[in-house]
Amino acid sequence: MKGIVHIRIDDRLIHGQVAAFWTNALGITRIMVVNDQVAVDEMQKSLLRMVAPASVRTSIINKETAVKNILADKYEGQRVLMILKNPKDVWELREAGLEINEFNVGNMASREGTRSIKRSVNVNDEDTKYFNTLLEAGVDINAVMVPDDKNCKLKDIL
């Protein structure tokens, strides 16, 4: 996946940690939010673009467009941080043909029916099912909030 340097699950999408820490630590030139609902919500897209650093381009697109663009090498030569909301989205992108072999889980907020597996990482049964499916497929999943945090393997806390 030419140009994609980091994939992160963070249900807040673009926010201070992403804008300040991740983009700087990884030398990001584009933040790509991949979410079918957000891609059609003009207000949410505007808000996300406002919090992105001015020096970083943004793409807020649906999964179908992301797959098409990535497979066409549209981001070659860029340094792209892909942000998704949940493990189901990661699985669906893999099933659509993207070679996702590792990603990071940063934040999944507490919501009804979830349990905490790590500070700021809360999962429900569906999340757990998709994480386990991805792990069984050989995907390396880390749970790290900011770039200088100690590496934590999701398989060890799930």
C-alpha atoms as a PDB file:
ATOM      1  CA  MET A   1       0.000   0.000   0.000  1.00  0.00           C
ATOM      2  CA  LYS A   2       2.198   2.738  -1.344  1.00  0.00           C
ATOM      3  CA  GLY A   3       2.173   5.905   0.748  1.00  0.00           C
ATOM      4  CA  ILE A   4       0.333   4.475   3.761  1.00  0.00           C
ATOM      5  CA  VAL A   5       2.791   4.710   6.668  1.00  0.00           C
ATOM      6  CA  HIS A   6       0.480   4.088   9.623  1.00  0.00           C
ATOM      7  CA  ILE A   7      -3.049   2.805  10.229  1.00  0.00           C
ATOM      8  CA  ARG A   8      -4.808   3.707  13.453  1.00  0.00           C
ATOM      9  CA  ILE A   9      -8.177   2.968  15.005  1.00  0.00           C
ATOM     10  CA  ASP A  10      -9.315   6.061  16.853  1.00  0.00           C
ATOM     11  CA  ASP A  11     -13.018   6.740  17.160  1.00  0.00           C
ATOM     12  CA  ARG A  12     -12.298  10.446  17.679  1.00  0.00           C
ATOM     13  CA  LEU A  13     -10.728  10.491  14.187  1.00  0.00           C
ATOM     14  CA  ILE A  14      -8.724  13.740  13.868  1.00  0.00           C
ATOM     15  CA  HIS A  15      -8.010  15.442  17.208  1.00  0.00           C
ATOM     16  CA  GLY A  16      -5.109  16.891  19.191  1.00  0.00           C
ATOM     17  CA  GLN A  17      -3.085  13.682  19.630  1.00  0.00           C
ATOM     18  CA  VAL A  18      -3.307  12.868  15.948  1.00  0.00           C
ATOM     19  CA  ALA A  19      -2.692  16.459  14.855  1.00  0.00           C
ATOM     20  CA  ALA A  20       0.236  17.091  17.187  1.00  0.00           C
ATOM     21  CA  PHE A  21       1.938  13.817  18.079  1.00  0.00           C
ATOM     22  CA  TRP A  22       1.292  11.296  15.310  1.00  0.00           C
ATOM     23  CA  THR A  23       1.677  13.627  12.335  1.00  0.00           C
ATOM     24  CA  ASN A  24       4.948  15.036  13.662  1.00  0.00           C
ATOM     25  CA  ALA A  25       6.430  11.726  14.833  1.00  0.00           C
ATOM     26  CA  LEU A  26       5.700  10.023  11.507  1.00  0.00           C
ATOM     27  CA  GLY A  27       6.274  12.987   9.178  1.00  0.00           C
ATOM     28  CA  ILE A  28       2.712  12.707   7.886  1.00  0.00           C
ATOM     29  CA  THR A  29       1.718  14.693   4.787  1.00  0.00           C
ATOM     30  CA  ARG A  30      -1.896  13.450   4.587  1.00  0.00           C
ATOM     31  CA  ILE A  31      -4.458  12.258   7.121  1.00  0.00           C
ATOM     32  CA  MET A  32      -6.979   9.911   5.555  1.00  0.00           C
ATOM     33  CA  VAL A  33     -10.183   9.285   7.498  1.00  0.00           C
ATOM     34  CA  VAL A  34     -11.949   6.231   6.106  1.00  0.00           C
ATOM     35  CA  ASN A  35     -15.538   6.005   7.296  1.00  0.00           C
ATOM     36  CA  ASP A  36     -18.722   5.587   5.280  1.00  0.00           C
ATOM     37  CA  GLN A  37     -20.901   7.703   7.590  1.00  0.00           C
ATOM     38  CA  VAL A  38     -18.462  10.585   8.073  1.00  0.00           C
ATOM     39  CA  ALA A  39     -17.727  10.732   4.329  1.00  0.00           C
ATOM     40  CA  VAL A  40     -21.294  11.911   3.663  1.00  0.00           C
ATOM     41  CA  ASP A  41     -21.601  14.281   6.657  1.00  0.00           C
ATOM     42  CA  GLU A  42     -20.467  17.712   5.463  1.00  0.00           C
ATOM     43  CA  MET A  43     -20.542  19.263   8.943  1.00  0.00           C
ATOM     44  CA  GLN A  44     -18.398  16.553  10.482  1.00  0.00           C
ATOM     45  CA  LYS A  45     -15.995  16.699   7.533  1.00  0.00           C
ATOM     46  CA  SER A  46     -15.620  20.465   8.012  1.00  0.00           C
ATOM     47  CA  LEU A  47     -14.932  20.044  11.726  1.00  0.00           C
ATOM     48  CA  LEU A  48     -12.323  17.358  11.099  1.00  0.00           C
ATOM     49  CA  ARG A  49     -10.566  19.492   8.510  1.00  0.00           C
ATOM     50  CA  MET A  50     -10.467  22.408  10.984  1.00  0.00           C
ATOM     51  CA  VAL A  51      -8.527  20.404  13.584  1.00  0.00           C
ATOM     52  CA  ALA A  52      -6.049  18.928  11.104  1.00  0.00           C
ATOM     53  CA  PRO A  53      -2.705  20.737  10.929  1.00  0.00           C
ATOM     54  CA  ALA A  54      -2.642  23.322   8.128  1.00  0.00           C
ATOM     55  CA  SER A  55       0.472  21.707   6.642  1.00  0.00           C
ATOM     56  CA  VAL A  56      -1.222  18.296   6.313  1.00  0.00           C
ATOM     57  CA  ARG A  57      -3.706  17.432   3.570  1.00  0.00           C
ATOM     58  CA  THR A  58      -6.878  15.571   4.501  1.00  0.00           C
ATOM     59  CA  SER A  59      -8.992  12.983   2.763  1.00  0.00           C
ATOM     60  CA  ILE A  60     -12.297  12.028   4.351  1.00  0.00           C
ATOM     61  CA  ILE A  61     -13.596   9.212   2.221  1.00  0.00           C
ATOM     62  CA  ASN A  62     -15.680   6.054   2.266  1.00  0.00           C
ATOM     63  CA  LYS A  63     -14.201   2.562   2.232  1.00  0.00           C
ATOM     64  CA  GLU A  64     -14.916   1.964  -1.459  1.00  0.00           C
ATOM     65  CA  THR A  65     -13.059   5.125  -2.495  1.00  0.00           C
ATOM     66  CA  ALA A  66     -10.176   4.332  -0.143  1.00  0.00           C
ATOM     67  CA  VAL A  67      -9.717   0.869  -1.648  1.00  0.00           C
ATOM     68  CA  LYS A  68      -9.905   2.205  -5.214  1.00  0.00           C
ATOM     69  CA  ASN A  69      -7.422   5.031  -4.528  1.00  0.00           C
ATOM     70  CA  ILE A  70      -4.939   2.882  -2.590  1.00  0.00           C
ATOM     71  CA  LEU A  71      -4.960   0.051  -5.131  1.00  0.00           C
ATOM     72  CA  ALA A  72      -4.373   2.660  -7.878  1.00  0.00           C
ATOM     73  CA  ASP A  73      -1.304   3.910  -5.947  1.00  0.00           C
ATOM     74  CA  LYS A  74      -2.825   7.406  -5.674  1.00  0.00           C
ATOM     75  CA  TYR A  75      -0.853   8.106  -2.474  1.00  0.00           C
ATOM     76  CA  GLU A  76       2.545   6.982  -3.729  1.00  0.00           C
ATOM     77  CA  GLY A  77       5.205   9.458  -2.615  1.00  0.00           C
ATOM     78  CA  GLN A  78       3.076  10.734   0.263  1.00  0.00           C
ATOM     79  CA  ARG A  79       3.183   9.842   3.974  1.00  0.00           C
ATOM     80  CA  VAL A  80      -0.401   8.940   4.838  1.00  0.00           C
ATOM     81  CA  LEU A  81      -1.892   8.257   8.266  1.00  0.00           C
ATOM     82  CA  MET A  82      -5.101   6.252   7.783  1.00  0.00           C
ATOM     83  CA  ILE A  83      -7.639   6.566  10.598  1.00  0.00           C
ATOM     84  CA  LEU A  84     -10.575   4.210  11.087  1.00  0.00           C
ATOM     85  CA  LYS A  85     -13.205   3.959  13.819  1.00  0.00           C
ATOM     86  CA  ASN A  86     -13.301   0.218  14.519  1.00  0.00           C
ATOM     87  CA  PRO A  87     -11.841  -3.213  13.727  1.00  0.00           C
ATOM     88  CA  LYS A  88     -14.774  -4.135  11.487  1.00  0.00           C
ATOM     89  CA  ASP A  89     -13.668  -1.396   9.089  1.00  0.00           C
ATOM     90  CA  VAL A  90     -10.130  -2.801   9.084  1.00  0.00           C
ATOM     91  CA  TRP A  91     -11.459  -6.276   8.283  1.00  0.00           C
ATOM     92  CA  GLU A  92     -13.689  -4.964   5.488  1.00  0.00           C
ATOM     93  CA  LEU A  93     -10.765  -3.093   3.909  1.00  0.00           C
ATOM     94  CA  ARG A  94      -8.661  -6.275   4.020  1.00  0.00           C
ATOM     95  CA  GLU A  95     -11.496  -8.267   2.486  1.00  0.00           C
ATOM     96  CA  ALA A  96     -11.745  -5.649  -0.281  1.00  0.00           C
ATOM     97  CA  GLY A  97      -8.118  -6.271  -1.208  1.00  0.00           C
ATOM     98  CA  LEU A  98      -5.964  -3.959   0.912  1.00  0.00           C
ATOM     99  CA  GLU A  99      -2.838  -5.531   2.335  1.00  0.00           C
ATOM    100  CA  ILE A 100      -3.243  -4.472   5.970  1.00  0.00           C
ATOM    101  CA  ASN A 101      -0.729  -6.474   7.987  1.00  0.00           C
ATOM    102  CA  GLU A 102      -0.477  -4.234  11.032  1.00  0.00           C
ATOM    103  CA  PHE A 103      -2.268  -1.349  12.698  1.00  0.00           C
ATOM    104  CA  ASN A 104      -2.550   0.505  15.966  1.00  0.00           C
ATOM    105  CA  VAL A 105      -5.517   0.875  18.291  1.00  0.00           C
ATOM    106  CA  GLY A 106      -5.421   4.282  19.937  1.00  0.00           C
ATOM    107  CA  ASN A 107      -8.829   5.087  21.322  1.00  0.00           C
ATOM    108  CA  MET A 108     -12.175   3.351  21.439  1.00  0.00           C
ATOM    109  CA  ALA A 109     -14.470   5.196  23.826  1.00  0.00           C
ATOM    110  CA  SER A 110     -16.573   3.538  26.465  1.00  0.00           C
ATOM    111  CA  ARG A 111     -20.116   2.930  25.263  1.00  0.00           C
ATOM    112  CA  GLU A 112     -22.970   0.696  26.286  1.00  0.00           C
ATOM    113  CA  GLY A 113     -22.000  -2.966  26.168  1.00  0.00           C
ATOM    114  CA  THR A 114     -18.232  -2.427  26.207  1.00  0.00           C
ATOM    115  CA  ARG A 115     -15.517  -3.504  28.573  1.00  0.00           C
ATOM    116  CA  SER A 116     -12.197  -1.786  29.108  1.00  0.00           C
ATOM    117  CA  ILE A 117      -9.137  -3.750  28.008  1.00  0.00           C
ATOM    118  CA  LYS A 118      -6.717  -0.852  28.328  1.00  0.00           C
ATOM    119  CA  ARG A 119      -6.945   2.800  29.260  1.00  0.00           C
ATOM    120  CA  SER A 120      -9.039   4.397  26.474  1.00  0.00           C
ATOM    121  CA  VAL A 121      -9.641   1.099  24.672  1.00  0.00           C
ATOM    122  CA  ASN A 122     -13.116  -0.319  25.220  1.00  0.00           C
ATOM    123  CA  VAL A 123     -14.498  -3.204  23.186  1.00  0.00           C
ATOM    124  CA  ASN A 124     -17.817  -4.929  22.727  1.00  0.00           C
ATOM    125  CA  ASP A 125     -18.406  -8.469  21.492  1.00  0.00           C
ATOM    126  CA  GLU A 126     -18.375  -7.435  17.817  1.00  0.00           C
ATOM    127  CA  ASP A 127     -15.079  -5.546  18.231  1.00  0.00           C
ATOM    128  CA  THR A 128     -13.562  -8.567  19.979  1.00  0.00           C
ATOM    129  CA  LYS A 129     -14.745 -10.865  17.178  1.00  0.00           C
ATOM    130  CA  TYR A 130     -13.120  -8.705  14.492  1.00  0.00           C
ATOM    131  CA  PHE A 131      -9.917  -8.211  16.476  1.00  0.00           C
ATOM    132  CA  ASN A 132      -9.637 -11.984  16.955  1.00  0.00           C
ATOM    133  CA  THR A 133     -10.352 -12.604  13.268  1.00  0.00           C
ATOM    134  CA  LEU A 134      -7.617 -10.128  12.304  1.00  0.00           C
ATOM    135  CA  LEU A 135      -5.170 -11.659  14.787  1.00  0.00           C
ATOM    136  CA  GLU A 136      -5.925 -15.148  13.437  1.00  0.00           C
ATOM    137  CA  ALA A 137      -5.210 -13.820   9.935  1.00  0.00           C
ATOM    138  CA  GLY A 138      -1.735 -12.855  11.143  1.00  0.00           C
ATOM    139  CA  VAL A 139      -2.292  -9.111  11.503  1.00  0.00           C
ATOM    140  CA  ASP A 140      -0.015  -7.431  14.060  1.00  0.00           C
ATOM    141  CA  ILE A 141      -2.142  -5.171  16.283  1.00  0.00           C
ATOM    142  CA  ASN A 142      -0.652  -2.722  18.765  1.00  0.00           C
ATOM    143  CA  ALA A 143      -2.485  -0.636  21.354  1.00  0.00           C
ATOM    144  CA  VAL A 144      -0.489   2.566  21.724  1.00  0.00           C
ATOM    145  CA  MET A 145      -2.001   5.968  22.538  1.00  0.00           C
ATOM    146  CA  VAL A 146       0.913   8.213  21.497  1.00  0.00           C
ATOM    147  CA  PRO A 147       4.082   7.413  19.526  1.00  0.00           C
ATOM    148  CA  ASP A 148       6.442   7.336  22.502  1.00  0.00           C
ATOM    149  CA  ASP A 149       4.258   4.995  24.606  1.00  0.00           C
ATOM    150  CA  LYS A 150       5.591   1.535  25.347  1.00  0.00           C
ATOM    151  CA  ASN A 151       4.502  -0.966  22.712  1.00  0.00           C
ATOM    152  CA  CYS A 152       1.528  -3.061  23.812  1.00  0.00           C
ATOM    153  CA  LYS A 153       0.329  -6.018  21.757  1.00  0.00           C
ATOM    154  CA  LEU A 154      -3.455  -6.252  21.579  1.00  0.00           C
ATOM    155  CA  LYS A 155      -3.316 -10.056  21.740  1.00  0.00           C
ATOM    156  CA  ASP A 156      -1.825  -9.733  25.249  1.00  0.00           C
ATOM    157  CA  ILE A 157      -4.680  -7.621  26.613  1.00  0.00           C
ATOM    158  CA  LEU A 158      -7.682  -8.871  24.643  1.00  0.00           C
END
